[in-house]
Amino acid sequence: QVQLVESGGGLVQPGRSLKLSCAASGFAFSRYGMTWYRQAPGQERDMVAAIGLSDEITYYADSVKGRFTISRDDAKNTVYLRMNSLKPEDTAVYYCNTHLGGSSYWGQGTQVTVSS
């Protein structure tokens, strides 16, 4: 079955960096786009970044453009989110997502907390 497992979250000071990973299994990873979302307490889940079938096809929310980079390694069935210059407002649970067969699949999420 489709499985997405996020990792790499944690507590970090403002201005520092983190790199999230999402390991995928149960489907032909290289054939599908992948998306990172985040959800802060009491807020809706928002799209952060998306990637197509190559690193050349990417989308970023305005709030993270220039600070975050999404990438993929098809050999490892993994999508990454490199987050630089983190701000307190980046604090959220980060989820990876894919759509296939008319269904949407989510991981369990990884908590990112940006605080001094």
PDB file of N, CA and C in Angstrom:
ATOM      1  N   GLN A   1       0.833  -1.178   0.000  1.00  0.00           N
ATOM      2  CA  GLN A   1       0.000   0.000   0.000  1.00  0.00           C
ATOM      3  C   GLN A   1       0.879   1.243   0.000  1.00  0.00           C
ATOM      4  N   VAL A   2       0.277   2.363  -0.408  1.00  0.00           N
ATOM      5  CA  VAL A   2       1.015   3.624  -0.452  1.00  0.00           C
ATOM      6  C   VAL A   2       1.376   4.059   0.966  1.00  0.00           C
ATOM      7  N   GLN A   3       2.631   4.412   1.140  1.00  0.00           N
ATOM      8  CA  GLN A   3       3.083   4.883   2.445  1.00  0.00           C
ATOM      9  C   GLN A   3       4.027   6.058   2.245  1.00  0.00           C
ATOM     10  N   LEU A   4       3.808   7.108   3.033  1.00  0.00           N
ATOM     11  CA  LEU A   4       4.664   8.284   3.036  1.00  0.00           C
ATOM     12  C   LEU A   4       5.112   8.524   4.471  1.00  0.00           C
ATOM     13  N   VAL A   5       6.413   8.622   4.681  1.00  0.00           N
ATOM     14  CA  VAL A   5       6.956   8.785   6.029  1.00  0.00           C
ATOM     15  C   VAL A   5       7.872   9.998   6.057  1.00  0.00           C
ATOM     16  N   GLU A   6       7.430  11.028   6.781  1.00  0.00           N
ATOM     17  CA  GLU A   6       8.227  12.242   6.914  1.00  0.00           C
ATOM     18  C   GLU A   6       9.205  12.122   8.081  1.00  0.00           C
ATOM     19  N   SER A   7      10.314  12.837   7.958  1.00  0.00           N
ATOM     20  CA  SER A   7      11.295  12.900   9.041  1.00  0.00           C
ATOM     21  C   SER A   7      12.105  14.184   8.896  1.00  0.00           C
ATOM     22  N   GLY A   8      12.860  14.511   9.946  1.00  0.00           N
ATOM     23  CA  GLY A   8      13.766  15.645   9.870  1.00  0.00           C
ATOM     24  C   GLY A   8      13.312  16.886  10.613  1.00  0.00           C
ATOM     25  N   GLY A   9      12.115  16.855  11.167  1.00  0.00           N
ATOM     26  CA  GLY A   9      11.641  18.019  11.903  1.00  0.00           C
ATOM     27  C   GLY A   9      12.357  18.165  13.238  1.00  0.00           C
ATOM     28  N   GLY A  10      12.050  19.266  13.925  1.00  0.00           N
ATOM     29  CA  GLY A  10      12.652  19.497  15.222  1.00  0.00           C
ATOM     30  C   GLY A  10      12.511  20.932  15.651  1.00  0.00           C
ATOM     31  N   LEU A  11      13.227  21.271  16.719  1.00  0.00           N
ATOM     32  CA  LEU A  11      13.248  22.632  17.253  1.00  0.00           C
ATOM     33  C   LEU A  11      14.502  23.333  16.734  1.00  0.00           C
ATOM     34  N   VAL A  12      14.320  24.501  16.164  1.00  0.00           N
ATOM     35  CA  VAL A  12      15.447  25.226  15.585  1.00  0.00           C
ATOM     36  C   VAL A  12      15.273  26.711  15.856  1.00  0.00           C
ATOM     37  N   GLN A  13      16.388  27.407  15.980  1.00  0.00           N
ATOM     38  CA  GLN A  13      16.346  28.851  16.225  1.00  0.00           C
ATOM     39  C   GLN A  13      16.031  29.608  14.941  1.00  0.00           C
ATOM     40  N   PRO A  14      15.434  30.766  15.041  1.00  0.00           N
ATOM     41  CA  PRO A  14      15.199  31.601  13.852  1.00  0.00           C
ATOM     42  C   PRO A  14      16.491  31.850  13.080  1.00  0.00           C
ATOM     43  N   GLY A  15      16.377  31.796  11.764  1.00  0.00           N
ATOM     44  CA  GLY A  15      17.531  32.004  10.906  1.00  0.00           C
ATOM     45  C   GLY A  15      18.300  30.754  10.553  1.00  0.00           C
ATOM     46  N   ARG A  16      18.028  29.669  11.275  1.00  0.00           N
ATOM     47  CA  ARG A  16      18.733  28.413  10.999  1.00  0.00           C
ATOM     48  C   ARG A  16      18.017  27.612   9.921  1.00  0.00           C
ATOM     49  N   SER A  17      18.555  26.421   9.638  1.00  0.00           N
ATOM     50  CA  SER A  17      18.037  25.589   8.547  1.00  0.00           C
ATOM     51  C   SER A  17      17.640  24.209   9.031  1.00  0.00           C
ATOM     52  N   LEU A  18      16.748  23.591   8.278  1.00  0.00           N
ATOM     53  CA  LEU A  18      16.367  22.192   8.471  1.00  0.00           C
ATOM     54  C   LEU A  18      16.129  21.579   7.108  1.00  0.00           C
ATOM     55  N   LYS A  19      16.316  20.264   7.026  1.00  0.00           N
ATOM     56  CA  LYS A  19      15.989  19.545   5.799  1.00  0.00           C
ATOM     57  C   LYS A  19      15.043  18.395   6.144  1.00  0.00           C
ATOM     58  N   LEU A  20      13.855  18.466   5.590  1.00  0.00           N
ATOM     59  CA  LEU A  20      12.862  17.413   5.794  1.00  0.00           C
ATOM     60  C   LEU A  20      12.970  16.379   4.685  1.00  0.00           C
ATOM     61  N   SER A  21      12.644  15.148   5.034  1.00  0.00           N
ATOM     62  CA  SER A  21      12.610  14.060   4.063  1.00  0.00           C
ATOM     63  C   SER A  21      11.247  13.387   4.112  1.00  0.00           C
ATOM     64  N   CYS A  22      10.837  12.868   2.967  1.00  0.00           N
ATOM     65  CA  CYS A  22       9.610  12.078   2.890  1.00  0.00           C
ATOM     66  C   CYS A  22       9.934  10.835   2.075  1.00  0.00           C
ATOM     67  N   ALA A  23       9.980   9.689   2.752  1.00  0.00           N
ATOM     68  CA  ALA A  23      10.265   8.419   2.088  1.00  0.00           C
ATOM     69  C   ALA A  23       8.961   7.785   1.627  1.00  0.00           C
ATOM     70  N   ALA A  24       8.899   7.456   0.340  1.00  0.00           N
ATOM     71  CA  ALA A  24       7.676   6.916  -0.258  1.00  0.00           C
ATOM     72  C   ALA A  24       7.847   5.443  -0.593  1.00  0.00           C
ATOM     73  N   SER A  25       6.748   4.714  -0.518  1.00  0.00           N
ATOM     74  CA  SER A  25       6.755   3.301  -0.904  1.00  0.00           C
ATOM     75  C   SER A  25       5.353   2.894  -1.343  1.00  0.00           C
ATOM     76  N   GLY A  26       5.291   1.786  -2.077  1.00  0.00           N
ATOM     77  CA  GLY A  26       4.001   1.244  -2.473  1.00  0.00           C
ATOM     78  C   GLY A  26       3.458   1.756  -3.790  1.00  0.00           C
ATOM     79  N   PHE A  27       4.240   2.583  -4.485  1.00  0.00           N
ATOM     80  CA  PHE A  27       3.821   3.074  -5.794  1.00  0.00           C
ATOM     81  C   PHE A  27       5.060   3.464  -6.602  1.00  0.00           C
ATOM     82  N   ALA A  28       4.853   3.714  -7.890  1.00  0.00           N
ATOM     83  CA  ALA A  28       5.959   4.061  -8.785  1.00  0.00           C
ATOM     84  C   ALA A  28       6.315   5.533  -8.592  1.00  0.00           C
ATOM     85  N   PHE A  29       7.137   5.784  -7.608  1.00  0.00           N
ATOM     86  CA  PHE A  29       7.436   7.149  -7.144  1.00  0.00           C
ATOM     87  C   PHE A  29       7.853   8.085  -8.282  1.00  0.00           C
ATOM     88  N   SER A  30       8.682   7.608  -9.184  1.00  0.00           N
ATOM     89  CA  SER A  30       9.232   8.478 -10.226  1.00  0.00           C
ATOM     90  C   SER A  30       8.178   8.988 -11.201  1.00  0.00           C
ATOM     91  N   ARG A  31       6.996   8.423 -11.167  1.00  0.00           N
ATOM     92  CA  ARG A  31       5.953   8.804 -12.111  1.00  0.00           C
ATOM     93  C   ARG A  31       4.974   9.831 -11.546  1.00  0.00           C
ATOM     94  N   TYR A  32       5.198  10.284 -10.313  1.00  0.00           N
ATOM     95  CA  TYR A  32       4.215  11.155  -9.672  1.00  0.00           C
ATOM     96  C   TYR A  32       4.857  12.402  -9.074  1.00  0.00           C
ATOM     97  N   GLY A  33       4.108  13.492  -9.188  1.00  0.00           N
ATOM     98  CA  GLY A  33       4.515  14.687  -8.490  1.00  0.00           C
ATOM     99  C   GLY A  33       4.298  14.542  -6.996  1.00  0.00           C
ATOM    100  N   MET A  34       5.001  15.361  -6.242  1.00  0.00           N
ATOM    101  CA  MET A  34       4.921  15.317  -4.789  1.00  0.00           C
ATOM    102  C   MET A  34       4.755  16.741  -4.262  1.00  0.00           C
ATOM    103  N   THR A  35       4.104  16.859  -3.128  1.00  0.00           N
ATOM    104  CA  THR A  35       3.821  18.178  -2.555  1.00  0.00           C
ATOM    105  C   THR A  35       4.090  18.160  -1.053  1.00  0.00           C
ATOM    106  N   TRP A  36       4.629  19.265  -0.570  1.00  0.00           N
ATOM    107  CA  TRP A  36       4.747  19.496   0.878  1.00  0.00           C
ATOM    108  C   TRP A  36       3.673  20.488   1.298  1.00  0.00           C
ATOM    109  N   TYR A  37       3.005  20.171   2.398  1.00  0.00           N
ATOM    110  CA  TYR A  37       2.035  21.059   3.030  1.00  0.00           C
ATOM    111  C   TYR A  37       2.490  21.313   4.460  1.00  0.00           C
ATOM    112  N   ARG A  38       1.874  22.306   5.070  1.00  0.00           N
ATOM    113  CA  ARG A  38       2.086  22.524   6.498  1.00  0.00           C
ATOM    114  C   ARG A  38       0.803  23.000   7.142  1.00  0.00           C
ATOM    115  N   GLN A  39       0.699  22.715   8.444  1.00  0.00           N
ATOM    116  CA  GLN A  39      -0.481  23.118   9.192  1.00  0.00           C
ATOM    117  C   GLN A  39      -0.055  23.593  10.568  1.00  0.00           C
ATOM    118  N   ALA A  40      -0.302  24.873  10.811  1.00  0.00           N
ATOM    119  CA  ALA A  40      -0.032  25.464  12.120  1.00  0.00           C
ATOM    120  C   ALA A  40      -1.258  25.264  13.002  1.00  0.00           C
ATOM    121  N   PRO A  41      -1.081  25.318  14.326  1.00  0.00           N
ATOM    122  CA  PRO A  41      -2.218  25.121  15.240  1.00  0.00           C
ATOM    123  C   PRO A  41      -3.352  26.086  14.936  1.00  0.00           C
ATOM    124  N   GLY A  42      -4.555  25.563  14.803  1.00  0.00           N
ATOM    125  CA  GLY A  42      -5.726  26.388  14.571  1.00  0.00           C
ATOM    126  C   GLY A  42      -5.855  26.938  13.165  1.00  0.00           C
ATOM    127  N   GLN A  43      -4.992  26.490  12.272  1.00  0.00           N
ATOM    128  CA  GLN A  43      -5.004  26.998  10.901  1.00  0.00           C
ATOM    129  C   GLN A  43      -5.256  25.862   9.911  1.00  0.00           C
ATOM    130  N   GLU A  44      -5.580  26.253   8.676  1.00  0.00           N
ATOM    131  CA  GLU A  44      -5.794  25.268   7.628  1.00  0.00           C
ATOM    132  C   GLU A  44      -4.455  24.715   7.148  1.00  0.00           C
ATOM    133  N   ARG A  45      -4.520  23.570   6.514  1.00  0.00           N
ATOM    134  CA  ARG A  45      -3.334  22.977   5.913  1.00  0.00           C
ATOM    135  C   ARG A  45      -3.065  23.671   4.579  1.00  0.00           C
ATOM    136  N   ASP A  46      -1.888  24.231   4.419  1.00  0.00           N
ATOM    137  CA  ASP A  46      -1.546  25.007   3.242  1.00  0.00           C
ATOM    138  C   ASP A  46      -0.414  24.360   2.452  1.00  0.00           C
ATOM    139  N   MET A  47      -0.487  24.504   1.141  1.00  0.00           N
ATOM    140  CA  MET A  47       0.584  24.021   0.287  1.00  0.00           C
ATOM    141  C   MET A  47       1.822  24.889   0.472  1.00  0.00           C
ATOM    142  N   VAL A  48       2.971  24.229   0.574  1.00  0.00           N
ATOM    143  CA  VAL A  48       4.232  24.936   0.749  1.00  0.00           C
ATOM    144  C   VAL A  48       5.055  24.884  -0.537  1.00  0.00           C
ATOM    145  N   ALA A  49       5.207  23.677  -1.072  1.00  0.00           N
ATOM    146  CA  ALA A  49       6.029  23.497  -2.270  1.00  0.00           C
ATOM    147  C   ALA A  49       5.600  22.219  -2.970  1.00  0.00           C
ATOM    148  N   ALA A  50       5.769  22.212  -4.284  1.00  0.00           N
ATOM    149  CA  ALA A  50       5.416  21.040  -5.079  1.00  0.00           C
ATOM    150  C   ALA A  50       6.489  20.806  -6.130  1.00  0.00           C
ATOM    151  N   ILE A  51       6.631  19.553  -6.522  1.00  0.00           N
ATOM    152  CA  ILE A  51       7.624  19.201  -7.533  1.00  0.00           C
ATOM    153  C   ILE A  51       6.998  18.215  -8.512  1.00  0.00           C
ATOM    154  N   GLY A  52       7.335  18.427  -9.808  1.00  0.00           N
ATOM    155  CA  GLY A  52       6.863  17.521 -10.842  1.00  0.00           C
ATOM    156  C   GLY A  52       7.778  16.326 -10.967  1.00  0.00           C
ATOM    157  N   LEU A  53       7.915  15.843 -12.180  1.00  0.00           N
ATOM    158  CA  LEU A  53       8.690  14.629 -12.397  1.00  0.00           C
ATOM    159  C   LEU A  53      10.190  14.887 -12.473  1.00  0.00           C
ATOM    160  N   SER A  54      10.594  16.138 -12.351  1.00  0.00           N
ATOM    161  CA  SER A  54      12.015  16.467 -12.274  1.00  0.00           C
ATOM    162  C   SER A  54      12.194  17.700 -11.405  1.00  0.00           C
ATOM    163  N   ASP A  55      13.431  17.945 -11.014  1.00  0.00           N
ATOM    164  CA  ASP A  55      13.720  19.109 -10.168  1.00  0.00           C
ATOM    165  C   ASP A  55      13.484  20.429 -10.894  1.00  0.00           C
ATOM    166  N   GLU A  56      13.276  20.375 -12.213  1.00  0.00           N
ATOM    167  CA  GLU A  56      13.074  21.617 -12.962  1.00  0.00           C
ATOM    168  C   GLU A  56      11.639  22.108 -12.888  1.00  0.00           C
ATOM    169  N   ILE A  57      10.741  21.275 -12.399  1.00  0.00           N
ATOM    170  CA  ILE A  57       9.325  21.644 -12.323  1.00  0.00           C
ATOM    171  C   ILE A  57       8.956  21.776 -10.860  1.00  0.00           C
ATOM    172  N   THR A  58       8.943  23.015 -10.377  1.00  0.00           N
ATOM    173  CA  THR A  58       8.664  23.249  -8.965  1.00  0.00           C
ATOM    174  C   THR A  58       7.718  24.424  -8.790  1.00  0.00           C
ATOM    175  N   TYR A  59       7.059  24.438  -7.642  1.00  0.00           N
ATOM    176  CA  TYR A  59       6.153  25.535  -7.257  1.00  0.00           C
ATOM    177  C   TYR A  59       6.397  25.822  -5.788  1.00  0.00           C
ATOM    178  N   TYR A  60       6.345  27.117  -5.432  1.00  0.00           N
ATOM    179  CA  TYR A  60       6.507  27.520  -4.044  1.00  0.00           C
ATOM    180  C   TYR A  60       5.438  28.519  -3.648  1.00  0.00           C
ATOM    181  N   ALA A  61       4.965  28.394  -2.428  1.00  0.00           N
ATOM    182  CA  ALA A  61       4.108  29.432  -1.865  1.00  0.00           C
ATOM    183  C   ALA A  61       4.931  30.708  -1.711  1.00  0.00           C
ATOM    184  N   ASP A  62       4.286  31.843  -1.847  1.00  0.00           N
ATOM    185  CA  ASP A  62       4.998  33.122  -1.754  1.00  0.00           C
ATOM    186  C   ASP A  62       5.727  33.260  -0.420  1.00  0.00           C
ATOM    187  N   SER A  63       5.152  32.706   0.630  1.00  0.00           N
ATOM    188  CA  SER A  63       5.723  32.875   1.967  1.00  0.00           C
ATOM    189  C   SER A  63       7.061  32.169   2.147  1.00  0.00           C
ATOM    190  N   VAL A  64       7.384  31.215   1.272  1.00  0.00           N
ATOM    191  CA  VAL A  64       8.630  30.464   1.422  1.00  0.00           C
ATOM    192  C   VAL A  64       9.557  30.626   0.221  1.00  0.00           C
ATOM    193  N   LYS A  65       9.099  31.318  -0.809  1.00  0.00           N
ATOM    194  CA  LYS A  65       9.891  31.454  -2.028  1.00  0.00           C
ATOM    195  C   LYS A  65      11.226  32.111  -1.714  1.00  0.00           C
ATOM    196  N   GLY A  66      12.299  31.518  -2.222  1.00  0.00           N
ATOM    197  CA  GLY A  66      13.628  32.033  -1.975  1.00  0.00           C
ATOM    198  C   GLY A  66      14.277  31.492  -0.712  1.00  0.00           C
ATOM    199  N   ARG A  67      13.507  30.834   0.149  1.00  0.00           N
ATOM    200  CA  ARG A  67      14.055  30.271   1.394  1.00  0.00           C
ATOM    201  C   ARG A  67      13.995  28.748   1.404  1.00  0.00           C
ATOM    202  N   PHE A  68      12.961  28.179   0.798  1.00  0.00           N
ATOM    203  CA  PHE A  68      12.769  26.736   0.793  1.00  0.00           C
ATOM    204  C   PHE A  68      13.086  26.182  -0.603  1.00  0.00           C
ATOM    205  N   THR A  69      13.597  24.950  -0.638  1.00  0.00           N
ATOM    206  CA  THR A  69      13.867  24.268  -1.895  1.00  0.00           C
ATOM    207  C   THR A  69      13.347  22.841  -1.815  1.00  0.00           C
ATOM    208  N   ILE A  70      12.503  22.480  -2.777  1.00  0.00           N
ATOM    209  CA  ILE A  70      12.010  21.113  -2.862  1.00  0.00           C
ATOM    210  C   ILE A  70      12.839  20.369  -3.895  1.00  0.00           C
ATOM    211  N   SER A  71      13.125  19.107  -3.624  1.00  0.00           N
ATOM    212  CA  SER A  71      13.891  18.288  -4.561  1.00  0.00           C
ATOM    213  C   SER A  71      13.467  16.835  -4.391  1.00  0.00           C
ATOM    214  N   ARG A  72      13.893  16.003  -5.336  1.00  0.00           N
ATOM    215  CA  ARG A  72      13.536  14.590  -5.254  1.00  0.00           C
ATOM    216  C   ARG A  72      14.706  13.724  -5.673  1.00  0.00           C
ATOM    217  N   ASP A  73      14.765  12.525  -5.111  1.00  0.00           N
ATOM    218  CA  ASP A  73      15.750  11.522  -5.490  1.00  0.00           C
ATOM    219  C   ASP A  73      14.973  10.254  -5.819  1.00  0.00           C
ATOM    220  N   ASP A  74      14.763  10.020  -7.100  1.00  0.00           N
ATOM    221  CA  ASP A  74      13.952   8.878  -7.510  1.00  0.00           C
ATOM    222  C   ASP A  74      14.623   7.553  -7.180  1.00  0.00           C
ATOM    223  N   ALA A  75      15.946   7.545  -7.093  1.00  0.00           N
ATOM    224  CA  ALA A  75      16.652   6.310  -6.735  1.00  0.00           C
ATOM    225  C   ALA A  75      16.357   5.907  -5.292  1.00  0.00           C
ATOM    226  N   LYS A  76      16.043   6.893  -4.469  1.00  0.00           N
ATOM    227  CA  LYS A  76      15.753   6.631  -3.047  1.00  0.00           C
ATOM    228  C   LYS A  76      14.268   6.755  -2.727  1.00  0.00           C
ATOM    229  N   ASN A  77      13.447   7.028  -3.750  1.00  0.00           N
ATOM    230  CA  ASN A  77      12.002   7.212  -3.530  1.00  0.00           C
ATOM    231  C   ASN A  77      11.735   8.225  -2.421  1.00  0.00           C
ATOM    232  N   THR A  78      12.448   9.341  -2.489  1.00  0.00           N
ATOM    233  CA  THR A  78      12.383  10.327  -1.419  1.00  0.00           C
ATOM    234  C   THR A  78      12.255  11.731  -1.997  1.00  0.00           C
ATOM    235  N   VAL A  79      11.429  12.530  -1.357  1.00  0.00           N
ATOM    236  CA  VAL A  79      11.317  13.957  -1.675  1.00  0.00           C
ATOM    237  C   VAL A  79      11.795  14.727  -0.450  1.00  0.00           C
ATOM    238  N   TYR A  80      12.475  15.836  -0.727  1.00  0.00           N
ATOM    239  CA  TYR A  80      13.088  16.635   0.334  1.00  0.00           C
ATOM    240  C   TYR A  80      12.514  18.043   0.342  1.00  0.00           C
ATOM    241  N   LEU A  81      12.636  18.686   1.510  1.00  0.00           N
ATOM    242  CA  LEU A  81      12.323  20.105   1.618  1.00  0.00           C
ATOM    243  C   LEU A  81      13.432  20.742   2.436  1.00  0.00           C
ATOM    244  N   ARG A  82      14.279  21.484   1.760  1.00  0.00           N
ATOM    245  CA  ARG A  82      15.349  22.213   2.427  1.00  0.00           C
ATOM    246  C   ARG A  82      14.790  23.566   2.841  1.00  0.00           C
ATOM    247  N   MET A  83      14.868  23.887   4.116  1.00  0.00           N
ATOM    248  CA  MET A  83      14.298  25.118   4.648  1.00  0.00           C
ATOM    249  C   MET A  83      15.409  25.966   5.253  1.00  0.00           C
ATOM    250  N   ASN A  84      15.662  27.107   4.643  1.00  0.00           N
ATOM    251  CA  ASN A  84      16.684  28.037   5.128  1.00  0.00           C
ATOM    252  C   ASN A  84      16.028  29.281   5.721  1.00  0.00           C
ATOM    253  N   SER A  85      16.799  30.010   6.484  1.00  0.00           N
ATOM    254  CA  SER A  85      16.328  31.281   7.060  1.00  0.00           C
ATOM    255  C   SER A  85      14.962  31.116   7.719  1.00  0.00           C
ATOM    256  N   LEU A  86      14.860  30.123   8.566  1.00  0.00           N
ATOM    257  CA  LEU A  86      13.566  29.803   9.167  1.00  0.00           C
ATOM    258  C   LEU A  86      13.083  30.928  10.067  1.00  0.00           C
ATOM    259  N   LYS A  87      11.771  31.111  10.087  1.00  0.00           N
ATOM    260  CA  LYS A  87      11.120  32.144  10.879  1.00  0.00           C
ATOM    261  C   LYS A  87      10.135  31.488  11.854  1.00  0.00           C
ATOM    262  N   PRO A  88       9.800  32.181  12.933  1.00  0.00           N
ATOM    263  CA  PRO A  88       8.819  31.608  13.866  1.00  0.00           C
ATOM    264  C   PRO A  88       7.504  31.246  13.177  1.00  0.00           C
ATOM    265  N   GLU A  89       7.121  32.009  12.160  1.00  0.00           N
ATOM    266  CA  GLU A  89       5.863  31.715  11.462  1.00  0.00           C
ATOM    267  C   GLU A  89       5.939  30.468  10.587  1.00  0.00           C
ATOM    268  N   ASP A  90       7.109  29.862  10.463  1.00  0.00           N
ATOM    269  CA  ASP A  90       7.238  28.586   9.761  1.00  0.00           C
ATOM    270  C   ASP A  90       6.895  27.412  10.675  1.00  0.00           C
ATOM    271  N   THR A  91       6.660  27.688  11.939  1.00  0.00           N
ATOM    272  CA  THR A  91       6.304  26.637  12.882  1.00  0.00           C
ATOM    273  C   THR A  91       5.000  25.966  12.474  1.00  0.00           C
ATOM    274  N   ALA A  92       5.045  24.647  12.316  1.00  0.00           N
ATOM    275  CA  ALA A  92       3.879  23.891  11.846  1.00  0.00           C
ATOM    276  C   ALA A  92       4.230  22.406  11.809  1.00  0.00           C
ATOM    277  N   VAL A  93       3.217  21.608  11.585  1.00  0.00           N
ATOM    278  CA  VAL A  93       3.446  20.206  11.216  1.00  0.00           C
ATOM    279  C   VAL A  93       3.527  20.164   9.698  1.00  0.00           C
ATOM    280  N   TYR A  94       4.575  19.553   9.193  1.00  0.00           N
ATOM    281  CA  TYR A  94       4.807  19.464   7.755  1.00  0.00           C
ATOM    282  C   TYR A  94       4.451  18.065   7.259  1.00  0.00           C
ATOM    283  N   TYR A  95       3.678  18.030   6.175  1.00  0.00           N
ATOM    284  CA  TYR A  95       3.202  16.778   5.601  1.00  0.00           C
ATOM    285  C   TYR A  95       3.625  16.674   4.137  1.00  0.00           C
ATOM    286  N   CYS A  96       3.912  15.469   3.686  1.00  0.00           N
ATOM    287  CA  CYS A  96       4.062  15.269   2.256  1.00  0.00           C
ATOM    288  C   CYS A  96       2.820  14.567   1.728  1.00  0.00           C
ATOM    289  N   ASN A  97       2.597  14.752   0.440  1.00  0.00           N
ATOM    290  CA  ASN A  97       1.339  14.335  -0.178  1.00  0.00           C
ATOM    291  C   ASN A  97       1.569  13.949  -1.621  1.00  0.00           C
ATOM    292  N   THR A  98       0.797  12.989  -2.097  1.00  0.00           N
ATOM    293  CA  THR A  98       0.750  12.684  -3.505  1.00  0.00           C
ATOM    294  C   THR A  98      -0.656  12.240  -3.870  1.00  0.00           C
ATOM    295  N   HIS A  99      -0.954  12.385  -5.159  1.00  0.00           N
ATOM    296  CA  HIS A  99      -2.245  11.956  -5.683  1.00  0.00           C
ATOM    297  C   HIS A  99      -2.015  10.858  -6.706  1.00  0.00           C
ATOM    298  N   LEU A 100      -2.715   9.749  -6.545  1.00  0.00           N
ATOM    299  CA  LEU A 100      -2.666   8.708  -7.560  1.00  0.00           C
ATOM    300  C   LEU A 100      -3.931   7.884  -7.479  1.00  0.00           C
ATOM    301  N   GLY A 101      -4.384   7.440  -8.638  1.00  0.00           N
ATOM    302  CA  GLY A 101      -5.584   6.631  -8.716  1.00  0.00           C
ATOM    303  C   GLY A 101      -6.814   7.329  -8.173  1.00  0.00           C
ATOM    304  N   GLY A 102      -6.843   8.669  -8.277  1.00  0.00           N
ATOM    305  CA  GLY A 102      -7.994   9.407  -7.797  1.00  0.00           C
ATOM    306  C   GLY A 102      -8.028   9.614  -6.294  1.00  0.00           C
ATOM    307  N   SER A 103      -6.999   9.168  -5.607  1.00  0.00           N
ATOM    308  CA  SER A 103      -6.942   9.315  -4.151  1.00  0.00           C
ATOM    309  C   SER A 103      -5.756  10.190  -3.756  1.00  0.00           C
ATOM    310  N   SER A 104      -5.895  10.800  -2.590  1.00  0.00           N
ATOM    311  CA  SER A 104      -4.841  11.644  -2.029  1.00  0.00           C
ATOM    312  C   SER A 104      -4.241  10.916  -0.830  1.00  0.00           C
ATOM    313  N   TYR A 105      -2.919  10.878  -0.771  1.00  0.00           N
ATOM    314  CA  TYR A 105      -2.223  10.175   0.295  1.00  0.00           C
ATOM    315  C   TYR A 105      -1.354  11.136   1.085  1.00  0.00           C
ATOM    316  N   TRP A 106      -1.361  10.934   2.398  1.00  0.00           N
ATOM    317  CA  TRP A 106      -0.629  11.803   3.313  1.00  0.00           C
ATOM    318  C   TRP A 106       0.273  10.987   4.219  1.00  0.00           C
ATOM    319  N   GLY A 107       1.370  11.598   4.619  1.00  0.00           N
ATOM    320  CA  GLY A 107       2.169  11.022   5.675  1.00  0.00           C
ATOM    321  C   GLY A 107       1.620  11.428   7.031  1.00  0.00           C
ATOM    322  N   GLN A 108       2.338  11.033   8.087  1.00  0.00           N
ATOM    323  CA  GLN A 108       1.875  11.329   9.442  1.00  0.00           C
ATOM    324  C   GLN A 108       2.303  12.716   9.901  1.00  0.00           C
ATOM    325  N   GLY A 109       3.223  13.322   9.163  1.00  0.00           N
ATOM    326  CA  GLY A 109       3.679  14.674   9.488  1.00  0.00           C
ATOM    327  C   GLY A 109       4.903  14.682  10.383  1.00  0.00           C
ATOM    328  N   THR A 110       5.644  15.784  10.306  1.00  0.00           N
ATOM    329  CA  THR A 110       6.795  16.002  11.181  1.00  0.00           C
ATOM    330  C   THR A 110       6.734  17.437  11.697  1.00  0.00           C
ATOM    331  N   GLN A 111       6.927  17.601  12.994  1.00  0.00           N
ATOM    332  CA  GLN A 111       6.781  18.911  13.636  1.00  0.00           C
ATOM    333  C   GLN A 111       8.046  19.733  13.433  1.00  0.00           C
ATOM    334  N   VAL A 112       7.849  20.962  12.993  1.00  0.00           N
ATOM    335  CA  VAL A 112       8.928  21.943  12.914  1.00  0.00           C
ATOM    336  C   VAL A 112       8.567  23.097  13.828  1.00  0.00           C
ATOM    337  N   THR A 113       9.437  23.396  14.766  1.00  0.00           N
ATOM    338  CA  THR A 113       9.228  24.510  15.683  1.00  0.00           C
ATOM    339  C   THR A 113      10.406  25.458  15.580  1.00  0.00           C
ATOM    340  N   VAL A 114      10.108  26.707  15.258  1.00  0.00           N
ATOM    341  CA  VAL A 114      11.145  27.724  15.119  1.00  0.00           C
ATOM    342  C   VAL A 114      10.986  28.711  16.271  1.00  0.00           C
ATOM    343  N   SER A 115      11.930  28.676  17.177  1.00  0.00           N
ATOM    344  CA  SER A 115      11.825  29.501  18.380  1.00  0.00           C
ATOM    345  C   SER A 115      13.206  29.713  18.966  1.00  0.00           C
ATOM    346  N   SER A 116      13.377  30.882  19.565  1.00  0.00           N
ATOM    347  CA  SER A 116      14.639  31.167  20.252  1.00  0.00           C
ATOM    348  C   SER A 116      14.558  30.747  21.707  1.00  0.00           C
TER     349      SER A 116
END
